Amino acid sequence: MAQAKRLLFVCSLNQRRSITAEWLFKDFENYEVRSAGTEPGARVALTPDLVAWADLIFVMEQRHIQRLRRYFKSALTGKRLICLQIPDRHGGMSLELIKTLRERLSPYVQLPK
């Protein structure tokens, strides 16, 4: 059996966007999924270990890529960063956010039904 692909979802506070993305994949056997935030006070803070763990890193905004490159540069070697361009205007677990995540993620991963 092939090893599950490790997906890391990153937003600012890990309270709406990235945690919703993690929830979408939580029971999907092809993926191991985690989420984190880049800001102080994030529900789960982004760490070098989380970055190193991931096969693919999805960020919600360009500023998250900038923070990753600034604070986790050595852990990013060989990592693919993908910006989903999802601003922080949706409620966590909202149908609109879930629909947007599905649309933006579909070119990169197989989505659960």
PDB file of N, CA and C in Angstrom:
ATOM      1  N   MET A   1       0.837  -1.181   0.000  1.00  0.00           N
ATOM      2  CA  MET A   1       0.000   0.000   0.000  1.00  0.00           C
ATOM      3  C   MET A   1       0.884   1.248   0.000  1.00  0.00           C
ATOM      4  N   ALA A   2       0.563   2.218  -0.843  1.00  0.00           N
ATOM      5  CA  ALA A   2       1.350   3.443  -0.948  1.00  0.00           C
ATOM      6  C   ALA A   2       1.193   4.289   0.304  1.00  0.00           C
ATOM      7  N   GLN A   3       2.255   5.000   0.629  1.00  0.00           N
ATOM      8  CA  GLN A   3       2.213   5.887   1.788  1.00  0.00           C
ATOM      9  C   GLN A   3       1.295   7.064   1.490  1.00  0.00           C
ATOM     10  N   ALA A   4       0.521   7.482   2.479  1.00  0.00           N
ATOM     11  CA  ALA A   4      -0.377   8.616   2.318  1.00  0.00           C
ATOM     12  C   ALA A   4       0.424   9.887   2.092  1.00  0.00           C
ATOM     13  N   LYS A   5      -0.074  10.744   1.222  1.00  0.00           N
ATOM     14  CA  LYS A   5       0.557  12.036   0.975  1.00  0.00           C
ATOM     15  C   LYS A   5       0.229  12.953   2.154  1.00  0.00           C
ATOM     16  N   ARG A   6       1.223  13.702   2.601  1.00  0.00           N
ATOM     17  CA  ARG A   6       1.059  14.592   3.757  1.00  0.00           C
ATOM     18  C   ARG A   6       0.763  16.011   3.290  1.00  0.00           C
ATOM     19  N   LEU A   7      -0.411  16.509   3.662  1.00  0.00           N
ATOM     20  CA  LEU A   7      -0.848  17.843   3.279  1.00  0.00           C
ATOM     21  C   LEU A   7      -0.844  18.746   4.505  1.00  0.00           C
ATOM     22  N   LEU A   8      -0.279  19.937   4.347  1.00  0.00           N
ATOM     23  CA  LEU A   8      -0.292  20.941   5.406  1.00  0.00           C
ATOM     24  C   LEU A   8      -1.020  22.164   4.881  1.00  0.00           C
ATOM     25  N   PHE A   9      -2.030  22.613   5.634  1.00  0.00           N
ATOM     26  CA  PHE A   9      -2.797  23.802   5.285  1.00  0.00           C
ATOM     27  C   PHE A   9      -2.448  24.912   6.259  1.00  0.00           C
ATOM     28  N   VAL A  10      -2.159  26.095   5.719  1.00  0.00           N
ATOM     29  CA  VAL A  10      -1.678  27.204   6.532  1.00  0.00           C
ATOM     30  C   VAL A  10      -2.516  28.450   6.264  1.00  0.00           C
ATOM     31  N   CYS A  11      -2.943  29.086   7.357  1.00  0.00           N
ATOM     32  CA  CYS A  11      -3.554  30.411   7.276  1.00  0.00           C
ATOM     33  C   CYS A  11      -2.983  31.240   8.430  1.00  0.00           C
ATOM     34  N   SER A  12      -3.658  32.278   8.825  1.00  0.00           N
ATOM     35  CA  SER A  12      -3.105  33.161   9.851  1.00  0.00           C
ATOM     36  C   SER A  12      -3.273  32.617  11.264  1.00  0.00           C
ATOM     37  N   LEU A  13      -4.507  32.312  11.661  1.00  0.00           N
ATOM     38  CA  LEU A  13      -4.779  31.911  13.041  1.00  0.00           C
ATOM     39  C   LEU A  13      -5.218  30.456  13.202  1.00  0.00           C
ATOM     40  N   ASN A  14      -5.339  29.730  12.101  1.00  0.00           N
ATOM     41  CA  ASN A  14      -5.758  28.325  12.157  1.00  0.00           C
ATOM     42  C   ASN A  14      -7.091  28.171  12.879  1.00  0.00           C
ATOM     43  N   GLN A  15      -8.007  29.090  12.535  1.00  0.00           N
ATOM     44  CA  GLN A  15      -9.325  29.035  13.163  1.00  0.00           C
ATOM     45  C   GLN A  15     -10.460  28.866  12.167  1.00  0.00           C
ATOM     46  N   ARG A  16     -10.214  29.202  10.892  1.00  0.00           N
ATOM     47  CA  ARG A  16     -11.290  29.070   9.910  1.00  0.00           C
ATOM     48  C   ARG A  16     -10.829  28.363   8.642  1.00  0.00           C
ATOM     49  N   ARG A  17      -9.984  29.001   7.872  1.00  0.00           N
ATOM     50  CA  ARG A  17      -9.646  28.460   6.545  1.00  0.00           C
ATOM     51  C   ARG A  17      -8.846  27.169   6.614  1.00  0.00           C
ATOM     52  N   SER A  18      -7.705  27.178   7.283  1.00  0.00           N
ATOM     53  CA  SER A  18      -6.849  25.983   7.283  1.00  0.00           C
ATOM     54  C   SER A  18      -7.475  24.828   8.059  1.00  0.00           C
ATOM     55  N   ILE A  19      -8.163  25.124   9.144  1.00  0.00           N
ATOM     56  CA  ILE A  19      -8.803  24.045   9.912  1.00  0.00           C
ATOM     57  C   ILE A  19      -9.965  23.440   9.115  1.00  0.00           C
ATOM     58  N   THR A  20     -10.657  24.260   8.315  1.00  0.00           N
ATOM     59  CA  THR A  20     -11.727  23.733   7.453  1.00  0.00           C
ATOM     60  C   THR A  20     -11.128  22.822   6.388  1.00  0.00           C
ATOM     61  N   ALA A  21     -10.011  23.231   5.802  1.00  0.00           N
ATOM     62  CA  ALA A  21      -9.335  22.388   4.802  1.00  0.00           C
ATOM     63  C   ALA A  21      -8.895  21.067   5.429  1.00  0.00           C
ATOM     64  N   GLU A  22      -8.339  21.123   6.620  1.00  0.00           N
ATOM     65  CA  GLU A  22      -7.940  19.893   7.319  1.00  0.00           C
ATOM     66  C   GLU A  22      -9.149  18.992   7.529  1.00  0.00           C
ATOM     67  N   TRP A  23     -10.253  19.560   7.950  1.00  0.00           N
ATOM     68  CA  TRP A  23     -11.471  18.798   8.199  1.00  0.00           C
ATOM     69  C   TRP A  23     -11.966  18.097   6.928  1.00  0.00           C
ATOM     70  N   LEU A  24     -11.824  18.757   5.768  1.00  0.00           N
ATOM     71  CA  LEU A  24     -12.277  18.151   4.508  1.00  0.00           C
ATOM     72  C   LEU A  24     -11.588  16.810   4.229  1.00  0.00           C
ATOM     73  N   PHE A  25     -10.352  16.662   4.681  1.00  0.00           N
ATOM     74  CA  PHE A  25      -9.554  15.476   4.381  1.00  0.00           C
ATOM     75  C   PHE A  25      -9.384  14.535   5.567  1.00  0.00           C
ATOM     76  N   LYS A  26     -10.006  14.820   6.701  1.00  0.00           N
ATOM     77  CA  LYS A  26      -9.689  14.108   7.942  1.00  0.00           C
ATOM     78  C   LYS A  26      -9.859  12.594   7.888  1.00  0.00           C
ATOM     79  N   ASP A  27     -10.800  12.094   7.133  1.00  0.00           N
ATOM     80  CA  ASP A  27     -11.026  10.647   7.085  1.00  0.00           C
ATOM     81  C   ASP A  27     -10.704  10.050   5.715  1.00  0.00           C
ATOM     82  N   PHE A  28      -9.933  10.754   4.928  1.00  0.00           N
ATOM     83  CA  PHE A  28      -9.611  10.310   3.576  1.00  0.00           C
ATOM     84  C   PHE A  28      -8.283   9.569   3.632  1.00  0.00           C
ATOM     85  N   GLU A  29      -8.288   8.270   3.359  1.00  0.00           N
ATOM     86  CA  GLU A  29      -7.121   7.409   3.600  1.00  0.00           C
ATOM     87  C   GLU A  29      -5.896   7.728   2.749  1.00  0.00           C
ATOM     88  N   ASN A  30      -6.060   8.453   1.643  1.00  0.00           N
ATOM     89  CA  ASN A  30      -4.918   8.764   0.786  1.00  0.00           C
ATOM     90  C   ASN A  30      -4.049   9.894   1.319  1.00  0.00           C
ATOM     91  N   TYR A  31      -4.523  10.567   2.369  1.00  0.00           N
ATOM     92  CA  TYR A  31      -3.817  11.744   2.874  1.00  0.00           C
ATOM     93  C   TYR A  31      -3.705  11.729   4.390  1.00  0.00           C
ATOM     94  N   GLU A  32      -2.567  12.243   4.848  1.00  0.00           N
ATOM     95  CA  GLU A  32      -2.417  12.651   6.241  1.00  0.00           C
ATOM     96  C   GLU A  32      -2.479  14.162   6.187  1.00  0.00           C
ATOM     97  N   VAL A  33      -3.222  14.777   7.079  1.00  0.00           N
ATOM     98  CA  VAL A  33      -3.469  16.205   6.974  1.00  0.00           C
ATOM     99  C   VAL A  33      -3.286  16.889   8.320  1.00  0.00           C
ATOM    100  N   ARG A  34      -2.674  18.058   8.254  1.00  0.00           N
ATOM    101  CA  ARG A  34      -2.532  18.916   9.426  1.00  0.00           C
ATOM    102  C   ARG A  34      -2.747  20.353   8.988  1.00  0.00           C
ATOM    103  N   SER A  35      -2.970  21.226   9.960  1.00  0.00           N
ATOM    104  CA  SER A  35      -3.125  22.646   9.666  1.00  0.00           C
ATOM    105  C   SER A  35      -2.473  23.456  10.769  1.00  0.00           C
ATOM    106  N   ALA A  36      -2.126  24.688  10.413  1.00  0.00           N
ATOM    107  CA  ALA A  36      -1.456  25.569  11.376  1.00  0.00           C
ATOM    108  C   ALA A  36      -1.618  27.017  10.940  1.00  0.00           C
ATOM    109  N   GLY A  37      -1.266  27.920  11.862  1.00  0.00           N
ATOM    110  CA  GLY A  37      -1.335  29.349  11.586  1.00  0.00           C
ATOM    111  C   GLY A  37       0.017  30.008  11.726  1.00  0.00           C
ATOM    112  N   THR A  38       0.181  31.131  11.038  1.00  0.00           N
ATOM    113  CA  THR A  38       1.459  31.838  11.032  1.00  0.00           C
ATOM    114  C   THR A  38       1.541  32.940  12.080  1.00  0.00           C
ATOM    115  N   GLU A  39       0.428  33.324  12.663  1.00  0.00           N
ATOM    116  CA  GLU A  39       0.393  34.461  13.585  1.00  0.00           C
ATOM    117  C   GLU A  39       0.537  34.026  15.042  1.00  0.00           C
ATOM    118  N   PRO A  40       1.084  34.925  15.878  1.00  0.00           N
ATOM    119  CA  PRO A  40       1.060  34.648  17.324  1.00  0.00           C
ATOM    120  C   PRO A  40      -0.398  34.469  17.757  1.00  0.00           C
ATOM    121  N   GLY A  41      -0.648  33.530  18.612  1.00  0.00           N
ATOM    122  CA  GLY A  41      -2.012  33.259  19.054  1.00  0.00           C
ATOM    123  C   GLY A  41      -2.765  32.281  18.183  1.00  0.00           C
ATOM    124  N   ALA A  42      -2.109  31.718  17.178  1.00  0.00           N
ATOM    125  CA  ALA A  42      -2.768  30.726  16.319  1.00  0.00           C
ATOM    126  C   ALA A  42      -3.179  29.520  17.154  1.00  0.00           C
ATOM    127  N   ARG A  43      -4.290  28.904  16.782  1.00  0.00           N
ATOM    128  CA  ARG A  43      -4.777  27.706  17.473  1.00  0.00           C
ATOM    129  C   ARG A  43      -3.691  26.646  17.508  1.00  0.00           C
ATOM    130  N   VAL A  44      -3.075  26.368  16.359  1.00  0.00           N
ATOM    131  CA  VAL A  44      -1.880  25.523  16.248  1.00  0.00           C
ATOM    132  C   VAL A  44      -0.840  26.360  15.526  1.00  0.00           C
ATOM    133  N   ALA A  45       0.277  26.616  16.163  1.00  0.00           N
ATOM    134  CA  ALA A  45       1.324  27.448  15.568  1.00  0.00           C
ATOM    135  C   ALA A  45       2.159  26.649  14.570  1.00  0.00           C
ATOM    136  N   LEU A  46       2.478  27.277  13.459  1.00  0.00           N
ATOM    137  CA  LEU A  46       3.344  26.662  12.465  1.00  0.00           C
ATOM    138  C   LEU A  46       4.746  26.507  13.040  1.00  0.00           C
ATOM    139  N   THR A  47       5.355  25.341  12.816  1.00  0.00           N
ATOM    140  CA  THR A  47       6.693  25.055  13.326  1.00  0.00           C
ATOM    141  C   THR A  47       7.558  24.487  12.195  1.00  0.00           C
ATOM    142  N   PRO A  48       8.875  24.520  12.374  1.00  0.00           N
ATOM    143  CA  PRO A  48       9.744  23.885  11.377  1.00  0.00           C
ATOM    144  C   PRO A  48       9.444  22.398  11.225  1.00  0.00           C
ATOM    145  N   ASP A  49       9.084  21.721  12.300  1.00  0.00           N
ATOM    146  CA  ASP A  49       8.762  20.294  12.218  1.00  0.00           C
ATOM    147  C   ASP A  49       7.532  20.038  11.353  1.00  0.00           C
ATOM    148  N   LEU A  50       6.507  20.887  11.466  1.00  0.00           N
ATOM    149  CA  LEU A  50       5.320  20.732  10.618  1.00  0.00           C
ATOM    150  C   LEU A  50       5.673  20.947   9.151  1.00  0.00           C
ATOM    151  N   VAL A  51       6.470  21.956   8.885  1.00  0.00           N
ATOM    152  CA  VAL A  51       6.890  22.225   7.502  1.00  0.00           C
ATOM    153  C   VAL A  51       7.683  21.038   6.958  1.00  0.00           C
ATOM    154  N   ALA A  52       8.606  20.522   7.744  1.00  0.00           N
ATOM    155  CA  ALA A  52       9.420  19.381   7.308  1.00  0.00           C
ATOM    156  C   ALA A  52       8.562  18.134   7.091  1.00  0.00           C
ATOM    157  N   TRP A  53       7.519  17.964   7.884  1.00  0.00           N
ATOM    158  CA  TRP A  53       6.621  16.805   7.803  1.00  0.00           C
ATOM    159  C   TRP A  53       5.867  16.769   6.470  1.00  0.00           C
ATOM    160  N   ALA A  54       5.491  17.913   5.936  1.00  0.00           N
ATOM    161  CA  ALA A  54       4.568  18.007   4.796  1.00  0.00           C
ATOM    162  C   ALA A  54       5.207  17.639   3.462  1.00  0.00           C
ATOM    163  N   ASP A  55       4.399  17.002   2.604  1.00  0.00           N
ATOM    164  CA  ASP A  55       4.771  16.793   1.206  1.00  0.00           C
ATOM    165  C   ASP A  55       4.330  17.988   0.359  1.00  0.00           C
ATOM    166  N   LEU A  56       3.132  18.478   0.628  1.00  0.00           N
ATOM    167  CA  LEU A  56       2.576  19.649  -0.065  1.00  0.00           C
ATOM    168  C   LEU A  56       2.109  20.649   0.992  1.00  0.00           C
ATOM    169  N   ILE A  57       2.404  21.916   0.764  1.00  0.00           N
ATOM    170  CA  ILE A  57       1.982  22.960   1.699  1.00  0.00           C
ATOM    171  C   ILE A  57       1.067  23.922   0.952  1.00  0.00           C
ATOM    172  N   PHE A  58      -0.159  24.019   1.428  1.00  0.00           N
ATOM    173  CA  PHE A  58      -1.145  24.931   0.853  1.00  0.00           C
ATOM    174  C   PHE A  58      -1.316  26.113   1.793  1.00  0.00           C
ATOM    175  N   VAL A  59      -1.142  27.306   1.259  1.00  0.00           N
ATOM    176  CA  VAL A  59      -1.378  28.513   2.042  1.00  0.00           C
ATOM    177  C   VAL A  59      -2.587  29.225   1.471  1.00  0.00           C
ATOM    178  N   MET A  60      -3.221  30.023   2.302  1.00  0.00           N
ATOM    179  CA  MET A  60      -4.435  30.703   1.864  1.00  0.00           C
ATOM    180  C   MET A  60      -4.165  32.018   1.143  1.00  0.00           C
ATOM    181  N   GLU A  61      -3.061  32.698   1.503  1.00  0.00           N
ATOM    182  CA  GLU A  61      -2.740  33.990   0.910  1.00  0.00           C
ATOM    183  C   GLU A  61      -1.241  34.091   0.644  1.00  0.00           C
ATOM    184  N   GLN A  62      -0.885  34.992  -0.245  1.00  0.00           N
ATOM    185  CA  GLN A  62       0.516  35.191  -0.602  1.00  0.00           C
ATOM    186  C   GLN A  62       1.355  35.568   0.618  1.00  0.00           C
ATOM    187  N   ARG A  63       0.786  36.314   1.546  1.00  0.00           N
ATOM    188  CA  ARG A  63       1.555  36.718   2.729  1.00  0.00           C
ATOM    189  C   ARG A  63       1.987  35.518   3.566  1.00  0.00           C
ATOM    190  N   HIS A  64       1.255  34.423   3.492  1.00  0.00           N
ATOM    191  CA  HIS A  64       1.645  33.215   4.224  1.00  0.00           C
ATOM    192  C   HIS A  64       2.896  32.591   3.595  1.00  0.00           C
ATOM    193  N   ILE A  65       3.000  32.644   2.278  1.00  0.00           N
ATOM    194  CA  ILE A  65       4.225  32.171   1.613  1.00  0.00           C
ATOM    195  C   ILE A  65       5.405  33.021   2.055  1.00  0.00           C
ATOM    196  N   GLN A  66       5.209  34.326   2.101  1.00  0.00           N
ATOM    197  CA  GLN A  66       6.279  35.226   2.528  1.00  0.00           C
ATOM    198  C   GLN A  66       6.736  34.896   3.951  1.00  0.00           C
ATOM    199  N   ARG A  67       5.807  34.635   4.845  1.00  0.00           N
ATOM    200  CA  ARG A  67       6.174  34.280   6.215  1.00  0.00           C
ATOM    201  C   ARG A  67       6.892  32.945   6.279  1.00  0.00           C
ATOM    202  N   LEU A  68       6.421  31.979   5.519  1.00  0.00           N
ATOM    203  CA  LEU A  68       7.105  30.686   5.473  1.00  0.00           C
ATOM    204  C   LEU A  68       8.540  30.852   4.999  1.00  0.00           C
ATOM    205  N   ARG A  69       8.728  31.610   3.940  1.00  0.00           N
ATOM    206  CA  ARG A  69      10.076  31.815   3.413  1.00  0.00           C
ATOM    207  C   ARG A  69      10.962  32.592   4.383  1.00  0.00           C
ATOM    208  N   ARG A  70      10.364  33.500   5.135  1.00  0.00           N
ATOM    209  CA  ARG A  70      11.145  34.298   6.078  1.00  0.00           C
ATOM    210  C   ARG A  70      11.546  33.491   7.310  1.00  0.00           C
ATOM    211  N   TYR A  71      10.625  32.709   7.867  1.00  0.00           N
ATOM    212  CA  TYR A  71      10.862  32.052   9.153  1.00  0.00           C
ATOM    213  C   TYR A  71      11.220  30.566   9.066  1.00  0.00           C
ATOM    214  N   PHE A  72      10.950  29.933   7.929  1.00  0.00           N
ATOM    215  CA  PHE A  72      11.157  28.488   7.830  1.00  0.00           C
ATOM    216  C   PHE A  72      11.943  28.113   6.577  1.00  0.00           C
ATOM    217  N   LYS A  73      12.804  28.989   6.138  1.00  0.00           N
ATOM    218  CA  LYS A  73      13.524  28.814   4.878  1.00  0.00           C
ATOM    219  C   LYS A  73      14.228  27.461   4.785  1.00  0.00           C
ATOM    220  N   SER A  74      14.960  27.060   5.809  1.00  0.00           N
ATOM    221  CA  SER A  74      15.712  25.800   5.723  1.00  0.00           C
ATOM    222  C   SER A  74      14.790  24.582   5.680  1.00  0.00           C
ATOM    223  N   ALA A  75      13.621  24.662   6.306  1.00  0.00           N
ATOM    224  CA  ALA A  75      12.674  23.540   6.291  1.00  0.00           C
ATOM    225  C   ALA A  75      11.940  23.425   4.959  1.00  0.00           C
ATOM    226  N   LEU A  76      12.005  24.462   4.133  1.00  0.00           N
ATOM    227  CA  LEU A  76      11.278  24.469   2.860  1.00  0.00           C
ATOM    228  C   LEU A  76      12.012  23.805   1.706  1.00  0.00           C
ATOM    229  N   THR A  77      13.237  23.386   1.905  1.00  0.00           N
ATOM    230  CA  THR A  77      14.005  22.765   0.839  1.00  0.00           C
ATOM    231  C   THR A  77      13.249  21.561   0.270  1.00  0.00           C
ATOM    232  N   GLY A  78      12.988  21.603  -1.021  1.00  0.00           N
ATOM    233  CA  GLY A  78      12.305  20.509  -1.693  1.00  0.00           C
ATOM    234  C   GLY A  78      10.798  20.492  -1.508  1.00  0.00           C
ATOM    235  N   LYS A  79      10.243  21.495  -0.862  1.00  0.00           N
ATOM    236  CA  LYS A  79       8.800  21.548  -0.608  1.00  0.00           C
ATOM    237  C   LYS A  79       8.095  22.339  -1.697  1.00  0.00           C
ATOM    238  N   ARG A  80       6.883  21.944  -1.985  1.00  0.00           N
ATOM    239  CA  ARG A  80       6.061  22.672  -2.947  1.00  0.00           C
ATOM    240  C   ARG A  80       5.047  23.511  -2.168  1.00  0.00           C
ATOM    241  N   LEU A  81       5.080  24.814  -2.392  1.00  0.00           N
ATOM    242  CA  LEU A  81       4.152  25.756  -1.776  1.00  0.00           C
ATOM    243  C   LEU A  81       3.102  26.158  -2.798  1.00  0.00           C
ATOM    244  N   ILE A  82       1.851  26.054  -2.421  1.00  0.00           N
ATOM    245  CA  ILE A  82       0.761  26.400  -3.332  1.00  0.00           C
ATOM    246  C   ILE A  82      -0.138  27.403  -2.630  1.00  0.00           C
ATOM    247  N   CYS A  83      -0.322  28.561  -3.265  1.00  0.00           N
ATOM    248  CA  CYS A  83      -1.193  29.588  -2.709  1.00  0.00           C
ATOM    249  C   CYS A  83      -2.588  29.439  -3.311  1.00  0.00           C
ATOM    250  N   LEU A  84      -3.574  29.264  -2.448  1.00  0.00           N
ATOM    251  CA  LEU A  84      -4.951  29.061  -2.895  1.00  0.00           C
ATOM    252  C   LEU A  84      -5.711  30.368  -3.115  1.00  0.00           C
ATOM    253  N   GLN A  85      -5.130  31.492  -2.710  1.00  0.00           N
ATOM    254  CA  GLN A  85      -5.765  32.808  -2.891  1.00  0.00           C
ATOM    255  C   GLN A  85      -7.172  32.845  -2.300  1.00  0.00           C
ATOM    256  N   ILE A  86      -7.275  32.492  -1.019  1.00  0.00           N
ATOM    257  CA  ILE A  86      -8.560  32.524  -0.329  1.00  0.00           C
ATOM    258  C   ILE A  86      -8.446  33.532   0.811  1.00  0.00           C
ATOM    259  N   PRO A  87      -9.058  34.724   0.647  1.00  0.00           N
ATOM    260  CA  PRO A  87      -8.981  35.734   1.697  1.00  0.00           C
ATOM    261  C   PRO A  87      -9.782  35.314   2.933  1.00  0.00           C
ATOM    262  N   ASP A  88      -9.481  35.949   4.032  1.00  0.00           N
ATOM    263  CA  ASP A  88     -10.116  35.616   5.314  1.00  0.00           C
ATOM    264  C   ASP A  88     -11.454  36.344   5.444  1.00  0.00           C
ATOM    265  N   ARG A  89     -12.431  35.903   4.661  1.00  0.00           N
ATOM    266  CA  ARG A  89     -13.753  36.528   4.710  1.00  0.00           C
ATOM    267  C   ARG A  89     -14.868  35.499   4.911  1.00  0.00           C
ATOM    268  N   HIS A  90     -14.503  34.240   5.027  1.00  0.00           N
ATOM    269  CA  HIS A  90     -15.491  33.176   5.185  1.00  0.00           C
ATOM    270  C   HIS A  90     -15.511  32.694   6.632  1.00  0.00           C
ATOM    271  N   GLY A  91     -16.668  32.279   7.087  1.00  0.00           N
ATOM    272  CA  GLY A  91     -16.740  31.644   8.394  1.00  0.00           C
ATOM    273  C   GLY A  91     -16.171  30.238   8.325  1.00  0.00           C
ATOM    274  N   GLY A  92     -15.624  29.783   9.432  1.00  0.00           N
ATOM    275  CA  GLY A  92     -15.110  28.425   9.481  1.00  0.00           C
ATOM    276  C   GLY A  92     -16.203  27.414   9.208  1.00  0.00           C
ATOM    277  N   MET A  93     -15.897  26.414   8.412  1.00  0.00           N
ATOM    278  CA  MET A  93     -16.803  25.336   8.031  1.00  0.00           C
ATOM    279  C   MET A  93     -18.016  25.818   7.230  1.00  0.00           C
ATOM    280  N   SER A  94     -17.982  27.053   6.734  1.00  0.00           N
ATOM    281  CA  SER A  94     -19.115  27.553   5.951  1.00  0.00           C
ATOM    282  C   SER A  94     -19.168  26.838   4.604  1.00  0.00           C
ATOM    283  N   LEU A  95     -20.360  26.717   4.063  1.00  0.00           N
ATOM    284  CA  LEU A  95     -20.528  26.073   2.762  1.00  0.00           C
ATOM    285  C   LEU A  95     -19.772  26.823   1.676  1.00  0.00           C
ATOM    286  N   GLU A  96     -19.738  28.139   1.755  1.00  0.00           N
ATOM    287  CA  GLU A  96     -19.010  28.937   0.768  1.00  0.00           C
ATOM    288  C   GLU A  96     -17.509  28.647   0.828  1.00  0.00           C
ATOM    289  N   LEU A  97     -16.961  28.562   2.030  1.00  0.00           N
ATOM    290  CA  LEU A  97     -15.537  28.262   2.189  1.00  0.00           C
ATOM    291  C   LEU A  97     -15.233  26.847   1.696  1.00  0.00           C
ATOM    292  N   ILE A  98     -16.062  25.883   2.036  1.00  0.00           N
ATOM    293  CA  ILE A  98     -15.855  24.500   1.598  1.00  0.00           C
ATOM    294  C   ILE A  98     -15.894  24.421   0.070  1.00  0.00           C
ATOM    295  N   LYS A  99     -16.836  25.102  -0.556  1.00  0.00           N
ATOM    296  CA  LYS A  99     -16.933  25.116  -2.022  1.00  0.00           C
ATOM    297  C   LYS A  99     -15.669  25.736  -2.635  1.00  0.00           C
ATOM    298  N   THR A 100     -15.223  26.854  -2.080  1.00  0.00           N
ATOM    299  CA  THR A 100     -14.023  27.521  -2.590  1.00  0.00           C
ATOM    300  C   THR A 100     -12.795  26.633  -2.424  1.00  0.00           C
ATOM    301  N   LEU A 101     -12.654  26.009  -1.272  1.00  0.00           N
ATOM    302  CA  LEU A 101     -11.529  25.097  -1.047  1.00  0.00           C
ATOM    303  C   LEU A 101     -11.541  23.953  -2.056  1.00  0.00           C
ATOM    304  N   ARG A 102     -12.693  23.352  -2.268  1.00  0.00           N
ATOM    305  CA  ARG A 102     -12.792  22.243  -3.230  1.00  0.00           C
ATOM    306  C   ARG A 102     -12.359  22.692  -4.625  1.00  0.00           C
ATOM    307  N   GLU A 103     -12.812  23.869  -5.055  1.00  0.00           N
ATOM    308  CA  GLU A 103     -12.454  24.384  -6.386  1.00  0.00           C
ATOM    309  C   GLU A 103     -10.957  24.628  -6.495  1.00  0.00           C
ATOM    310  N   ARG A 104     -10.382  25.261  -5.486  1.00  0.00           N
ATOM    311  CA  ARG A 104      -8.968  25.652  -5.552  1.00  0.00           C
ATOM    312  C   ARG A 104      -8.027  24.469  -5.342  1.00  0.00           C
ATOM    313  N   LEU A 105      -8.465  23.456  -4.603  1.00  0.00           N
ATOM    314  CA  LEU A 105      -7.616  22.285  -4.343  1.00  0.00           C
ATOM    315  C   LEU A 105      -7.681  21.233  -5.443  1.00  0.00           C
ATOM    316  N   SER A 106      -8.761  21.209  -6.210  1.00  0.00           N
ATOM    317  CA  SER A 106      -8.979  20.125  -7.177  1.00  0.00           C
ATOM    318  C   SER A 106      -7.856  19.941  -8.201  1.00  0.00           C
ATOM    319  N   PRO A 107      -7.125  20.986  -8.617  1.00  0.00           N
ATOM    320  CA  PRO A 107      -6.023  20.719  -9.549  1.00  0.00           C
ATOM    321  C   PRO A 107      -4.827  19.977  -8.913  1.00  0.00           C
ATOM    322  N   TYR A 108      -4.772  19.936  -7.586  1.00  0.00           N
ATOM    323  CA  TYR A 108      -3.591  19.427  -6.902  1.00  0.00           C
ATOM    324  C   TYR A 108      -3.783  18.092  -6.177  1.00  0.00           C
ATOM    325  N   VAL A 109      -4.988  17.819  -5.730  1.00  0.00           N
ATOM    326  CA  VAL A 109      -5.246  16.613  -4.946  1.00  0.00           C
ATOM    327  C   VAL A 109      -6.587  16.011  -5.325  1.00  0.00           C
ATOM    328  N   GLN A 110      -6.699  14.717  -5.069  1.00  0.00           N
ATOM    329  CA  GLN A 110      -7.987  14.052  -5.262  1.00  0.00           C
ATOM    330  C   GLN A 110      -8.831  14.360  -4.045  1.00  0.00           C
ATOM    331  N   LEU A 111     -10.004  14.916  -4.280  1.00  0.00           N
ATOM    332  CA  LEU A 111     -10.864  15.348  -3.180  1.00  0.00           C
ATOM    333  C   LEU A 111     -11.811  14.246  -2.728  1.00  0.00           C
ATOM    334  N   PRO A 112     -12.045  14.151  -1.426  1.00  0.00           N
ATOM    335  CA  PRO A 112     -13.066  13.221  -0.952  1.00  0.00           C
ATOM    336  C   PRO A 112     -14.437  13.701  -1.405  1.00  0.00           C
ATOM    337  N   LYS A 113     -15.352  12.803  -1.557  1.00  0.00           N
ATOM    338  CA  LYS A 113     -16.709  13.161  -2.014  1.00  0.00           C
ATOM    339  C   LYS A 113     -17.497  13.836  -0.929  1.00  0.00           C
TER     340      LYS A 113
END
